[in-house]
Amino acid sequence: MARLILNPLIGALGLWLADVLLGGLVISNWVSLLAAAILLGIVNAILRPVLVVLTFPITIVTLGLFLFVLNGLMIGLVAWMLPGVTISGLFTAILAAIITGLVSWFGQIVTKEPKRE
């Protein structure tokens, strides 16, 4: 249950860090930040798996690098859907996806629950 609340907060932290580090990503306020984190989680849960399967040949040819583009497109989609989030281009979206992914990865390591035997 705690992960249901913690995952969007970690995603929001990643988006906030990307907003601070990248000049082309602008998130207007904290409400837009939380909405973007929640919407990004929904888009990644529903739309991204379908697109990963559909673009599998391109991913194989590019040795997996197309997944960065796909992640950037997911952030671009979120920016297109939310009025408080703007992004300047695909390269900025790809960098934002990398930053958000690294923060989420680190957040999962830190908040990992101990194994039960």
PDB file of N, CA and C in Angstrom:
ATOM      1  N   MET A   1       0.817  -1.191   0.000  1.00  0.00           N
ATOM      2  CA  MET A   1       0.000   0.000   0.000  1.00  0.00           C
ATOM      3  C   MET A   1       0.868   1.266   0.000  1.00  0.00           C
ATOM      4  N   ALA A   2       1.975   1.203   0.711  1.00  0.00           N
ATOM      5  CA  ALA A   2       2.854   2.374   0.771  1.00  0.00           C
ATOM      6  C   ALA A   2       3.470   2.657  -0.590  1.00  0.00           C
ATOM      7  N   ARG A   3       3.712   1.612  -1.378  1.00  0.00           N
ATOM      8  CA  ARG A   3       4.290   1.803  -2.711  1.00  0.00           C
ATOM      9  C   ARG A   3       3.332   2.555  -3.629  1.00  0.00           C
ATOM     10  N   LEU A   4       2.031   2.382  -3.419  1.00  0.00           N
ATOM     11  CA  LEU A   4       1.039   3.068  -4.238  1.00  0.00           C
ATOM     12  C   LEU A   4       1.142   4.583  -4.069  1.00  0.00           C
ATOM     13  N   ILE A   5       1.523   5.029  -2.907  1.00  0.00           N
ATOM     14  CA  ILE A   5       1.707   6.457  -2.645  1.00  0.00           C
ATOM     15  C   ILE A   5       3.138   6.872  -2.949  1.00  0.00           C
ATOM     16  N   LEU A   6       4.082   6.019  -2.650  1.00  0.00           N
ATOM     17  CA  LEU A   6       5.497   6.365  -2.785  1.00  0.00           C
ATOM     18  C   LEU A   6       5.962   6.439  -4.235  1.00  0.00           C
ATOM     19  N   ASN A   7       5.475   5.560  -5.104  1.00  0.00           N
ATOM     20  CA  ASN A   7       5.931   5.553  -6.501  1.00  0.00           C
ATOM     21  C   ASN A   7       5.624   6.857  -7.238  1.00  0.00           C
ATOM     22  N   PRO A   8       4.410   7.414  -7.139  1.00  0.00           N
ATOM     23  CA  PRO A   8       4.188   8.708  -7.797  1.00  0.00           C
ATOM     24  C   PRO A   8       5.030   9.831  -7.195  1.00  0.00           C
ATOM     25  N   LEU A   9       5.307   9.765  -5.899  1.00  0.00           N
ATOM     26  CA  LEU A   9       6.147  10.795  -5.286  1.00  0.00           C
ATOM     27  C   LEU A   9       7.588  10.698  -5.791  1.00  0.00           C
ATOM     28  N   ILE A  10       8.075   9.500  -5.976  1.00  0.00           N
ATOM     29  CA  ILE A  10       9.421   9.318  -6.528  1.00  0.00           C
ATOM     30  C   ILE A  10       9.444   9.774  -7.983  1.00  0.00           C
ATOM     31  N   GLY A  11       8.388   9.456  -8.722  1.00  0.00           N
ATOM     32  CA  GLY A  11       8.293   9.941 -10.095  1.00  0.00           C
ATOM     33  C   GLY A  11       8.239  11.457 -10.166  1.00  0.00           C
ATOM     34  N   ALA A  12       7.515  12.068  -9.221  1.00  0.00           N
ATOM     35  CA  ALA A  12       7.449  13.531  -9.163  1.00  0.00           C
ATOM     36  C   ALA A  12       8.819  14.116  -8.831  1.00  0.00           C
ATOM     37  N   LEU A  13       9.567  13.446  -7.967  1.00  0.00           N
ATOM     38  CA  LEU A  13      10.918  13.899  -7.648  1.00  0.00           C
ATOM     39  C   LEU A  13      11.810  13.855  -8.890  1.00  0.00           C
ATOM     40  N   GLY A  14      11.685  12.794  -9.676  1.00  0.00           N
ATOM     41  CA  GLY A  14      12.452  12.685 -10.908  1.00  0.00           C
ATOM     42  C   GLY A  14      12.079  13.763 -11.920  1.00  0.00           C
ATOM     43  N   LEU A  15      10.785  14.034 -12.057  1.00  0.00           N
ATOM     44  CA  LEU A  15      10.351  15.085 -12.971  1.00  0.00           C
ATOM     45  C   LEU A  15      10.800  16.462 -12.477  1.00  0.00           C
ATOM     46  N   TRP A  16      10.750  16.676 -11.177  1.00  0.00           N
ATOM     47  CA  TRP A  16      11.209  17.947 -10.619  1.00  0.00           C
ATOM     48  C   TRP A  16      12.701  18.144 -10.881  1.00  0.00           C
ATOM     49  N   LEU A  17      13.483  17.085 -10.682  1.00  0.00           N
ATOM     50  CA  LEU A  17      14.922  17.171 -10.938  1.00  0.00           C
ATOM     51  C   LEU A  17      15.197  17.436 -12.424  1.00  0.00           C
ATOM     52  N   ALA A  18      14.434  16.799 -13.294  1.00  0.00           N
ATOM     53  CA  ALA A  18      14.584  17.051 -14.727  1.00  0.00           C
ATOM     54  C   ALA A  18      14.203  18.488 -15.057  1.00  0.00           C
ATOM     55  N   ASP A  19      13.189  19.020 -14.377  1.00  0.00           N
ATOM     56  CA  ASP A  19      12.792  20.417 -14.578  1.00  0.00           C
ATOM     57  C   ASP A  19      13.894  21.370 -14.149  1.00  0.00           C
ATOM     58  N   VAL A  20      14.564  21.048 -13.049  1.00  0.00           N
ATOM     59  CA  VAL A  20      15.646  21.900 -12.545  1.00  0.00           C
ATOM     60  C   VAL A  20      16.868  21.824 -13.460  1.00  0.00           C
ATOM     61  N   LEU A  21      17.203  20.630 -13.935  1.00  0.00           N
ATOM     62  CA  LEU A  21      18.433  20.448 -14.711  1.00  0.00           C
ATOM     63  C   LEU A  21      18.294  20.821 -16.182  1.00  0.00           C
ATOM     64  N   LEU A  22      17.111  20.666 -16.741  1.00  0.00           N
ATOM     65  CA  LEU A  22      16.930  20.892 -18.171  1.00  0.00           C
ATOM     66  C   LEU A  22      16.178  22.195 -18.409  1.00  0.00           C
ATOM     67  N   GLY A  23      16.691  22.990 -19.296  1.00  0.00           N
ATOM     68  CA  GLY A  23      16.048  24.257 -19.597  1.00  0.00           C
ATOM     69  C   GLY A  23      14.805  24.119 -20.457  1.00  0.00           C
ATOM     70  N   GLY A  24      14.686  23.041 -21.203  1.00  0.00           N
ATOM     71  CA  GLY A  24      13.568  22.872 -22.115  1.00  0.00           C
ATOM     72  C   GLY A  24      12.334  22.256 -21.503  1.00  0.00           C
ATOM     73  N   LEU A  25      12.391  21.856 -20.248  1.00  0.00           N
ATOM     74  CA  LEU A  25      11.246  21.277 -19.552  1.00  0.00           C
ATOM     75  C   LEU A  25      10.780  22.274 -18.507  1.00  0.00           C
ATOM     76  N   VAL A  26       9.515  22.664 -18.590  1.00  0.00           N
ATOM     77  CA  VAL A  26       8.963  23.622 -17.636  1.00  0.00           C
ATOM     78  C   VAL A  26       7.697  23.025 -17.038  1.00  0.00           C
ATOM     79  N   ILE A  27       7.698  22.895 -15.716  1.00  0.00           N
ATOM     80  CA  ILE A  27       6.513  22.453 -14.981  1.00  0.00           C
ATOM     81  C   ILE A  27       6.093  23.629 -14.119  1.00  0.00           C
ATOM     82  N   SER A  28       4.874  24.118 -14.341  1.00  0.00           N
ATOM     83  CA  SER A  28       4.471  25.413 -13.795  1.00  0.00           C
ATOM     84  C   SER A  28       4.303  25.423 -12.277  1.00  0.00           C
ATOM     85  N   ASN A  29       3.754  24.367 -11.687  1.00  0.00           N
ATOM     86  CA  ASN A  29       3.543  24.365 -10.235  1.00  0.00           C
ATOM     87  C   ASN A  29       3.551  22.930  -9.714  1.00  0.00           C
ATOM     88  N   TRP A  30       3.421  22.792  -8.419  1.00  0.00           N
ATOM     89  CA  TRP A  30       3.521  21.460  -7.814  1.00  0.00           C
ATOM     90  C   TRP A  30       2.304  20.599  -8.124  1.00  0.00           C
ATOM     91  N   VAL A  31       1.149  21.215  -8.373  1.00  0.00           N
ATOM     92  CA  VAL A  31      -0.032  20.431  -8.751  1.00  0.00           C
ATOM     93  C   VAL A  31       0.190  19.792 -10.123  1.00  0.00           C
ATOM     94  N   SER A  32       0.737  20.573 -11.050  1.00  0.00           N
ATOM     95  CA  SER A  32       1.062  20.029 -12.368  1.00  0.00           C
ATOM     96  C   SER A  32       2.131  18.955 -12.265  1.00  0.00           C
ATOM     97  N   LEU A  33       3.068  19.128 -11.340  1.00  0.00           N
ATOM     98  CA  LEU A  33       4.126  18.141 -11.134  1.00  0.00           C
ATOM     99  C   LEU A  33       3.550  16.814 -10.660  1.00  0.00           C
ATOM    100  N   LEU A  34       2.668  16.850  -9.665  1.00  0.00           N
ATOM    101  CA  LEU A  34       2.055  15.613  -9.168  1.00  0.00           C
ATOM    102  C   LEU A  34       1.138  14.986 -10.219  1.00  0.00           C
ATOM    103  N   ALA A  35       0.394  15.826 -10.935  1.00  0.00           N
ATOM    104  CA  ALA A  35      -0.475  15.306 -11.991  1.00  0.00           C
ATOM    105  C   ALA A  35       0.354  14.654 -13.099  1.00  0.00           C
ATOM    106  N   ALA A  36       1.481  15.262 -13.439  1.00  0.00           N
ATOM    107  CA  ALA A  36       2.348  14.691 -14.468  1.00  0.00           C
ATOM    108  C   ALA A  36       2.936  13.365 -14.014  1.00  0.00           C
ATOM    109  N   ALA A  37       3.316  13.268 -12.749  1.00  0.00           N
ATOM    110  CA  ALA A  37       3.876  12.015 -12.237  1.00  0.00           C
ATOM    111  C   ALA A  37       2.835  10.899 -12.246  1.00  0.00           C
ATOM    112  N   ILE A  38       1.619  11.213 -11.843  1.00  0.00           N
ATOM    113  CA  ILE A  38       0.554  10.208 -11.838  1.00  0.00           C
ATOM    114  C   ILE A  38       0.194   9.805 -13.268  1.00  0.00           C
ATOM    115  N   LEU A  39       0.059  10.797 -14.153  1.00  0.00           N
ATOM    116  CA  LEU A  39      -0.280  10.497 -15.541  1.00  0.00           C
ATOM    117  C   LEU A  39       0.842   9.726 -16.233  1.00  0.00           C
ATOM    118  N   LEU A  40       2.091  10.042 -15.922  1.00  0.00           N
ATOM    119  CA  LEU A  40       3.208   9.294 -16.495  1.00  0.00           C
ATOM    120  C   LEU A  40       3.180   7.834 -16.038  1.00  0.00           C
ATOM    121  N   GLY A  41       2.837   7.604 -14.799  1.00  0.00           N
ATOM    122  CA  GLY A  41       2.699   6.235 -14.309  1.00  0.00           C
ATOM    123  C   GLY A  41       1.592   5.475 -15.023  1.00  0.00           C
ATOM    124  N   ILE A  42       0.475   6.149 -15.277  1.00  0.00           N
ATOM    125  CA  ILE A  42      -0.637   5.512 -15.981  1.00  0.00           C
ATOM    126  C   ILE A  42      -0.258   5.225 -17.430  1.00  0.00           C
ATOM    127  N   VAL A  43       0.365   6.195 -18.095  1.00  0.00           N
ATOM    128  CA  VAL A  43       0.780   6.019 -19.491  1.00  0.00           C
ATOM    129  C   VAL A  43       1.808   4.898 -19.603  1.00  0.00           C
ATOM    130  N   ASN A  44       2.759   4.859 -18.665  1.00  0.00           N
ATOM    131  CA  ASN A  44       3.774   3.802 -18.687  1.00  0.00           C
ATOM    132  C   ASN A  44       3.173   2.434 -18.394  1.00  0.00           C
ATOM    133  N   ALA A  45       2.100   2.378 -17.632  1.00  0.00           N
ATOM    134  CA  ALA A  45       1.481   1.091 -17.307  1.00  0.00           C
ATOM    135  C   ALA A  45       0.584   0.582 -18.436  1.00  0.00           C
ATOM    136  N   ILE A  46      -0.051   1.493 -19.171  1.00  0.00           N
ATOM    137  CA  ILE A  46      -1.024   1.067 -20.175  1.00  0.00           C
ATOM    138  C   ILE A  46      -0.469   1.128 -21.592  1.00  0.00           C
ATOM    139  N   LEU A  47       0.061   2.263 -21.993  1.00  0.00           N
ATOM    140  CA  LEU A  47       0.436   2.475 -23.386  1.00  0.00           C
ATOM    141  C   LEU A  47       1.841   1.968 -23.722  1.00  0.00           C
ATOM    142  N   ARG A  48       2.783   2.147 -22.813  1.00  0.00           N
ATOM    143  CA  ARG A  48       4.180   1.799 -23.105  1.00  0.00           C
ATOM    144  C   ARG A  48       4.385   0.321 -23.442  1.00  0.00           C
ATOM    145  N   PRO A  49       3.765  -0.632 -22.716  1.00  0.00           N
ATOM    146  CA  PRO A  49       3.982  -2.047 -23.090  1.00  0.00           C
ATOM    147  C   PRO A  49       3.513  -2.364 -24.512  1.00  0.00           C
ATOM    148  N   VAL A  50       2.424  -1.760 -24.933  1.00  0.00           N
ATOM    149  CA  VAL A  50       1.926  -1.987 -26.290  1.00  0.00           C
ATOM    150  C   VAL A  50       2.930  -1.438 -27.303  1.00  0.00           C
ATOM    151  N   LEU A  51       3.440  -0.234 -27.044  1.00  0.00           N
ATOM    152  CA  LEU A  51       4.402   0.366 -27.966  1.00  0.00           C
ATOM    153  C   LEU A  51       5.734  -0.375 -27.975  1.00  0.00           C
ATOM    154  N   VAL A  52       6.126  -0.927 -26.853  1.00  0.00           N
ATOM    155  CA  VAL A  52       7.373  -1.711 -26.811  1.00  0.00           C
ATOM    156  C   VAL A  52       7.242  -2.941 -27.713  1.00  0.00           C
ATOM    157  N   VAL A  53       6.098  -3.591 -27.667  1.00  0.00           N
ATOM    158  CA  VAL A  53       5.893  -4.765 -28.521  1.00  0.00           C
ATOM    159  C   VAL A  53       5.828  -4.363 -29.995  1.00  0.00           C
ATOM    160  N   LEU A  54       5.125  -3.269 -30.294  1.00  0.00           N
ATOM    161  CA  LEU A  54       4.983  -2.848 -31.687  1.00  0.00           C
ATOM    162  C   LEU A  54       6.298  -2.370 -32.299  1.00  0.00           C
ATOM    163  N   THR A  55       7.167  -1.792 -31.477  1.00  0.00           N
ATOM    164  CA  THR A  55       8.435  -1.263 -31.998  1.00  0.00           C
ATOM    165  C   THR A  55       9.612  -2.206 -31.732  1.00  0.00           C
ATOM    166  N   PHE A  56       9.320  -3.453 -31.437  1.00  0.00           N
ATOM    167  CA  PHE A  56      10.381  -4.410 -31.123  1.00  0.00           C
ATOM    168  C   PHE A  56      11.417  -4.551 -32.238  1.00  0.00           C
ATOM    169  N   PRO A  57      11.021  -4.609 -33.513  1.00  0.00           N
ATOM    170  CA  PRO A  57      12.055  -4.706 -34.566  1.00  0.00           C
ATOM    171  C   PRO A  57      12.994  -3.502 -34.587  1.00  0.00           C
ATOM    172  N   ILE A  58      12.464  -2.303 -34.397  1.00  0.00           N
ATOM    173  CA  ILE A  58      13.313  -1.110 -34.367  1.00  0.00           C
ATOM    174  C   ILE A  58      14.242  -1.157 -33.156  1.00  0.00           C
ATOM    175  N   THR A  59      13.722  -1.640 -32.047  1.00  0.00           N
ATOM    176  CA  THR A  59      14.536  -1.752 -30.838  1.00  0.00           C
ATOM    177  C   THR A  59      15.687  -2.730 -31.049  1.00  0.00           C
ATOM    178  N   ILE A  60      15.425  -3.830 -31.730  1.00  0.00           N
ATOM    179  CA  ILE A  60      16.486  -4.813 -32.008  1.00  0.00           C
ATOM    180  C   ILE A  60      17.552  -4.210 -32.922  1.00  0.00           C
ATOM    181  N   VAL A  61      17.115  -3.517 -33.974  1.00  0.00           N
ATOM    182  CA  VAL A  61      18.062  -2.940 -34.937  1.00  0.00           C
ATOM    183  C   VAL A  61      18.936  -1.878 -34.263  1.00  0.00           C
ATOM    184  N   THR A  62      18.359  -1.100 -33.343  1.00  0.00           N
ATOM    185  CA  THR A  62      19.114  -0.033 -32.676  1.00  0.00           C
ATOM    186  C   THR A  62      19.775  -0.518 -31.384  1.00  0.00           C
ATOM    187  N   LEU A  63      19.782  -1.821 -31.168  1.00  0.00           N
ATOM    188  CA  LEU A  63      20.398  -2.434 -29.981  1.00  0.00           C
ATOM    189  C   LEU A  63      19.819  -1.875 -28.671  1.00  0.00           C
ATOM    190  N   GLY A  64      18.529  -1.611 -28.670  1.00  0.00           N
ATOM    191  CA  GLY A  64      17.843  -1.171 -27.469  1.00  0.00           C
ATOM    192  C   GLY A  64      17.803   0.331 -27.260  1.00  0.00           C
ATOM    193  N   LEU A  65      18.502   1.083 -28.071  1.00  0.00           N
ATOM    194  CA  LEU A  65      18.541   2.528 -27.882  1.00  0.00           C
ATOM    195  C   LEU A  65      17.212   3.201 -28.207  1.00  0.00           C
ATOM    196  N   PHE A  66      16.376   2.557 -29.012  1.00  0.00           N
ATOM    197  CA  PHE A  66      15.076   3.139 -29.326  1.00  0.00           C
ATOM    198  C   PHE A  66      14.185   3.224 -28.092  1.00  0.00           C
ATOM    199  N   LEU A  67      14.459   2.433 -27.063  1.00  0.00           N
ATOM    200  CA  LEU A  67      13.668   2.518 -25.838  1.00  0.00           C
ATOM    201  C   LEU A  67      13.814   3.885 -25.172  1.00  0.00           C
ATOM    202  N   PHE A  68      14.982   4.526 -25.325  1.00  0.00           N
ATOM    203  CA  PHE A  68      15.142   5.890 -24.816  1.00  0.00           C
ATOM    204  C   PHE A  68      14.193   6.843 -25.537  1.00  0.00           C
ATOM    205  N   VAL A  69      14.078   6.665 -26.848  1.00  0.00           N
ATOM    206  CA  VAL A  69      13.168   7.499 -27.630  1.00  0.00           C
ATOM    207  C   VAL A  69      11.727   7.234 -27.201  1.00  0.00           C
ATOM    208  N   LEU A  70      11.395   5.982 -26.985  1.00  0.00           N
ATOM    209  CA  LEU A  70      10.041   5.622 -26.554  1.00  0.00           C
ATOM    210  C   LEU A  70       9.715   6.237 -25.196  1.00  0.00           C
ATOM    211  N   ASN A  71      10.668   6.188 -24.272  1.00  0.00           N
ATOM    212  CA  ASN A  71      10.453   6.813 -22.961  1.00  0.00           C
ATOM    213  C   ASN A  71      10.293   8.328 -23.091  1.00  0.00           C
ATOM    214  N   GLY A  72      11.071   8.934 -23.966  1.00  0.00           N
ATOM    215  CA  GLY A  72      10.935  10.366 -24.219  1.00  0.00           C
ATOM    216  C   GLY A  72       9.576  10.702 -24.816  1.00  0.00           C
ATOM    217  N   LEU A  73       9.086   9.837 -25.701  1.00  0.00           N
ATOM    218  CA  LEU A  73       7.763  10.051 -26.277  1.00  0.00           C
ATOM    219  C   LEU A  73       6.669   9.961 -25.211  1.00  0.00           C
ATOM    220  N   MET A  74       6.846   9.094 -24.221  1.00  0.00           N
ATOM    221  CA  MET A  74       5.862   9.003 -23.139  1.00  0.00           C
ATOM    222  C   MET A  74       5.826  10.307 -22.329  1.00  0.00           C
ATOM    223  N   ILE A  75       6.986  10.876 -22.062  1.00  0.00           N
ATOM    224  CA  ILE A  75       7.031  12.152 -21.346  1.00  0.00           C
ATOM    225  C   ILE A  75       6.465  13.267 -22.223  1.00  0.00           C
ATOM    226  N   GLY A  76       6.742  13.223 -23.518  1.00  0.00           N
ATOM    227  CA  GLY A  76       6.161  14.197 -24.439  1.00  0.00           C
ATOM    228  C   GLY A  76       4.647  14.096 -24.493  1.00  0.00           C
ATOM    229  N   LEU A  77       4.119  12.885 -24.437  1.00  0.00           N
ATOM    230  CA  LEU A  77       2.672  12.689 -24.415  1.00  0.00           C
ATOM    231  C   LEU A  77       2.052  13.284 -23.161  1.00  0.00           C
ATOM    232  N   VAL A  78       2.714  13.078 -22.030  1.00  0.00           N
ATOM    233  CA  VAL A  78       2.228  13.654 -20.772  1.00  0.00           C
ATOM    234  C   VAL A  78       2.254  15.180 -20.849  1.00  0.00           C
ATOM    235  N   ALA A  79       3.316  15.727 -21.407  1.00  0.00           N
ATOM    236  CA  ALA A  79       3.410  17.188 -21.555  1.00  0.00           C
ATOM    237  C   ALA A  79       2.335  17.711 -22.497  1.00  0.00           C
ATOM    238  N   TRP A  80       1.998  16.949 -23.515  1.00  0.00           N
ATOM    239  CA  TRP A  80       0.953  17.363 -24.443  1.00  0.00           C
ATOM    240  C   TRP A  80      -0.420  17.333 -23.784  1.00  0.00           C
ATOM    241  N   MET A  81      -0.636  16.384 -22.871  1.00  0.00           N
ATOM    242  CA  MET A  81      -1.939  16.217 -22.229  1.00  0.00           C
ATOM    243  C   MET A  81      -2.173  17.204 -21.088  1.00  0.00           C
ATOM    244  N   LEU A  82      -1.116  17.652 -20.430  1.00  0.00           N
ATOM    245  CA  LEU A  82      -1.263  18.539 -19.278  1.00  0.00           C
ATOM    246  C   LEU A  82      -0.906  19.977 -19.653  1.00  0.00           C
ATOM    247  N   PRO A  83      -1.778  20.930 -19.349  1.00  0.00           N
ATOM    248  CA  PRO A  83      -1.481  22.317 -19.713  1.00  0.00           C
ATOM    249  C   PRO A  83      -0.361  22.948 -18.895  1.00  0.00           C
ATOM    250  N   GLY A  84      -0.062  22.453 -17.718  1.00  0.00           N
ATOM    251  CA  GLY A  84       0.980  23.047 -16.881  1.00  0.00           C
ATOM    252  C   GLY A  84       2.383  22.536 -17.154  1.00  0.00           C
ATOM    253  N   VAL A  85       2.528  21.635 -18.125  1.00  0.00           N
ATOM    254  CA  VAL A  85       3.826  21.034 -18.435  1.00  0.00           C
ATOM    255  C   VAL A  85       4.136  21.317 -19.908  1.00  0.00           C
ATOM    256  N   THR A  86       5.313  21.905 -20.142  1.00  0.00           N
ATOM    257  CA  THR A  86       5.751  22.136 -21.525  1.00  0.00           C
ATOM    258  C   THR A  86       7.150  21.567 -21.706  1.00  0.00           C
ATOM    259  N   ILE A  87       7.400  21.079 -22.909  1.00  0.00           N
ATOM    260  CA  ILE A  87       8.697  20.503 -23.228  1.00  0.00           C
ATOM    261  C   ILE A  87       9.096  21.011 -24.615  1.00  0.00           C
ATOM    262  N   SER A  88      10.369  21.321 -24.772  1.00  0.00           N
ATOM    263  CA  SER A  88      10.794  22.002 -25.998  1.00  0.00           C
ATOM    264  C   SER A  88      11.034  21.067 -27.175  1.00  0.00           C
ATOM    265  N   GLY A  89      11.331  19.817 -26.943  1.00  0.00           N
ATOM    266  CA  GLY A  89      11.592  18.915 -28.064  1.00  0.00           C
ATOM    267  C   GLY A  89      11.855  17.497 -27.624  1.00  0.00           C
ATOM    268  N   LEU A  90      12.094  16.647 -28.605  1.00  0.00           N
ATOM    269  CA  LEU A  90      12.298  15.227 -28.326  1.00  0.00           C
ATOM    270  C   LEU A  90      13.589  14.973 -27.549  1.00  0.00           C
ATOM    271  N   PHE A  91      14.651  15.695 -27.867  1.00  0.00           N
ATOM    272  CA  PHE A  91      15.912  15.488 -27.159  1.00  0.00           C
ATOM    273  C   PHE A  91      15.771  15.831 -25.672  1.00  0.00           C
ATOM    274  N   THR A  92      15.071  16.912 -25.377  1.00  0.00           N
ATOM    275  CA  THR A  92      14.815  17.271 -23.974  1.00  0.00           C
ATOM    276  C   THR A  92      13.951  16.215 -23.302  1.00  0.00           C
ATOM    277  N   ALA A  93      12.967  15.685 -24.028  1.00  0.00           N
ATOM    278  CA  ALA A  93      12.107  14.634 -23.473  1.00  0.00           C
ATOM    279  C   ALA A  93      12.911  13.368 -23.186  1.00  0.00           C
ATOM    280  N   ILE A  94      13.848  13.028 -24.062  1.00  0.00           N
ATOM    281  CA  ILE A  94      14.684  11.840 -23.841  1.00  0.00           C
ATOM    282  C   ILE A  94      15.568  12.040 -22.615  1.00  0.00           C
ATOM    283  N   LEU A  95      16.169  13.218 -22.486  1.00  0.00           N
ATOM    284  CA  LEU A  95      16.986  13.498 -21.299  1.00  0.00           C
ATOM    285  C   LEU A  95      16.140  13.485 -20.031  1.00  0.00           C
ATOM    286  N   ALA A  96      14.930  14.029 -20.095  1.00  0.00           N
ATOM    287  CA  ALA A  96      14.027  14.008 -18.933  1.00  0.00           C
ATOM    288  C   ALA A  96      13.654  12.575 -18.573  1.00  0.00           C
ATOM    289  N   ALA A  97      13.453  11.735 -19.588  1.00  0.00           N
ATOM    290  CA  ALA A  97      13.137  10.327 -19.329  1.00  0.00           C
ATOM    291  C   ALA A  97      14.307   9.613 -18.671  1.00  0.00           C
ATOM    292  N   ILE A  98      15.526   9.928 -19.094  1.00  0.00           N
ATOM    293  CA  ILE A  98      16.703   9.313 -18.473  1.00  0.00           C
ATOM    294  C   ILE A  98      16.825   9.740 -17.015  1.00  0.00           C
ATOM    295  N   ILE A  99      16.663  11.032 -16.749  1.00  0.00           N
ATOM    296  CA  ILE A  99      16.758  11.533 -15.370  1.00  0.00           C
ATOM    297  C   ILE A  99      15.657  10.936 -14.505  1.00  0.00           C
ATOM    298  N   THR A 100      14.428  10.924 -15.018  1.00  0.00           N
ATOM    299  CA  THR A 100      13.306  10.369 -14.253  1.00  0.00           C
ATOM    300  C   THR A 100      13.502   8.875 -14.008  1.00  0.00           C
ATOM    301  N   GLY A 101      14.001   8.166 -15.002  1.00  0.00           N
ATOM    302  CA  GLY A 101      14.255   6.736 -14.841  1.00  0.00           C
ATOM    303  C   GLY A 101      15.327   6.443 -13.814  1.00  0.00           C
ATOM    304  N   LEU A 102      16.401   7.237 -13.814  1.00  0.00           N
ATOM    305  CA  LEU A 102      17.468   7.040 -12.821  1.00  0.00           C
ATOM    306  C   LEU A 102      16.979   7.321 -11.411  1.00  0.00           C
ATOM    307  N   VAL A 103      16.188   8.372 -11.251  1.00  0.00           N
ATOM    308  CA  VAL A 103      15.651   8.697  -9.921  1.00  0.00           C
ATOM    309  C   VAL A 103      14.692   7.596  -9.462  1.00  0.00           C
ATOM    310  N   SER A 104      13.859   7.083 -10.369  1.00  0.00           N
ATOM    311  CA  SER A 104      12.941   5.998 -10.010  1.00  0.00           C
ATOM    312  C   SER A 104      13.694   4.729  -9.642  1.00  0.00           C
ATOM    313  N   TRP A 105      14.749   4.435 -10.395  1.00  0.00           N
ATOM    314  CA  TRP A 105      15.571   3.256 -10.099  1.00  0.00           C
ATOM    315  C   TRP A 105      16.205   3.385  -8.716  1.00  0.00           C
ATOM    316  N   PHE A 106      16.781   4.556  -8.431  1.00  0.00           N
ATOM    317  CA  PHE A 106      17.394   4.778  -7.123  1.00  0.00           C
ATOM    318  C   PHE A 106      16.342   4.733  -6.011  1.00  0.00           C
ATOM    319  N   GLY A 107      15.164   5.284  -6.281  1.00  0.00           N
ATOM    320  CA  GLY A 107      14.085   5.262  -5.290  1.00  0.00           C
ATOM    321  C   GLY A 107      13.616   3.853  -4.980  1.00  0.00           C
ATOM    322  N   GLN A 108      13.587   2.980  -5.975  1.00  0.00           N
ATOM    323  CA  GLN A 108      13.205   1.592  -5.744  1.00  0.00           C
ATOM    324  C   GLN A 108      14.247   0.858  -4.922  1.00  0.00           C
ATOM    325  N   ILE A 109      15.520   1.202  -5.115  1.00  0.00           N
ATOM    326  CA  ILE A 109      16.577   0.581  -4.314  1.00  0.00           C
ATOM    327  C   ILE A 109      16.458   1.003  -2.863  1.00  0.00           C
ATOM    328  N   VAL A 110      16.220   2.292  -2.645  1.00  0.00           N
ATOM    329  CA  VAL A 110      16.152   2.824  -1.281  1.00  0.00           C
ATOM    330  C   VAL A 110      14.922   2.314  -0.534  1.00  0.00           C
ATOM    331  N   THR A 111      13.783   2.217  -1.235  1.00  0.00           N
ATOM    332  CA  THR A 111      12.539   1.832  -0.571  1.00  0.00           C
ATOM    333  C   THR A 111      12.224   0.343  -0.677  1.00  0.00           C
ATOM    334  N   LYS A 112      13.193  -0.459  -1.073  1.00  0.00           N
ATOM    335  CA  LYS A 112      12.955  -1.883  -1.244  1.00  0.00           C
ATOM    336  C   LYS A 112      12.584  -2.520   0.102  1.00  0.00           C
ATOM    337  N   GLU A 113      11.530  -3.302   0.066  1.00  0.00           N
ATOM    338  CA  GLU A 113      11.093  -3.998   1.268  1.00  0.00           C
ATOM    339  C   GLU A 113      11.966  -5.232   1.487  1.00  0.00           C
ATOM    340  N   PRO A 114      12.258  -5.549   2.748  1.00  0.00           N
ATOM    341  CA  PRO A 114      13.068  -6.751   3.000  1.00  0.00           C
ATOM    342  C   PRO A 114      12.304  -8.019   2.610  1.00  0.00           C
ATOM    343  N   LYS A 115      13.077  -9.018   2.173  1.00  0.00           N
ATOM    344  CA  LYS A 115      12.461 -10.291   1.759  1.00  0.00           C
ATOM    345  C   LYS A 115      11.955 -11.040   2.983  1.00  0.00           C
ATOM    346  N   ARG A 116      10.799 -11.651   2.803  1.00  0.00           N
ATOM    347  CA  ARG A 116      10.238 -12.491   3.867  1.00  0.00           C
ATOM    348  C   ARG A 116      10.561 -13.937   3.583  1.00  0.00           C
ATOM    349  N   GLU A 117      10.913 -14.641   4.628  1.00  0.00           N
ATOM    350  CA  GLU A 117      11.272 -16.060   4.438  1.00  0.00           C
ATOM    351  C   GLU A 117      10.163 -16.967   4.860  1.00  0.00           C
TER     352      GLU A 117
END
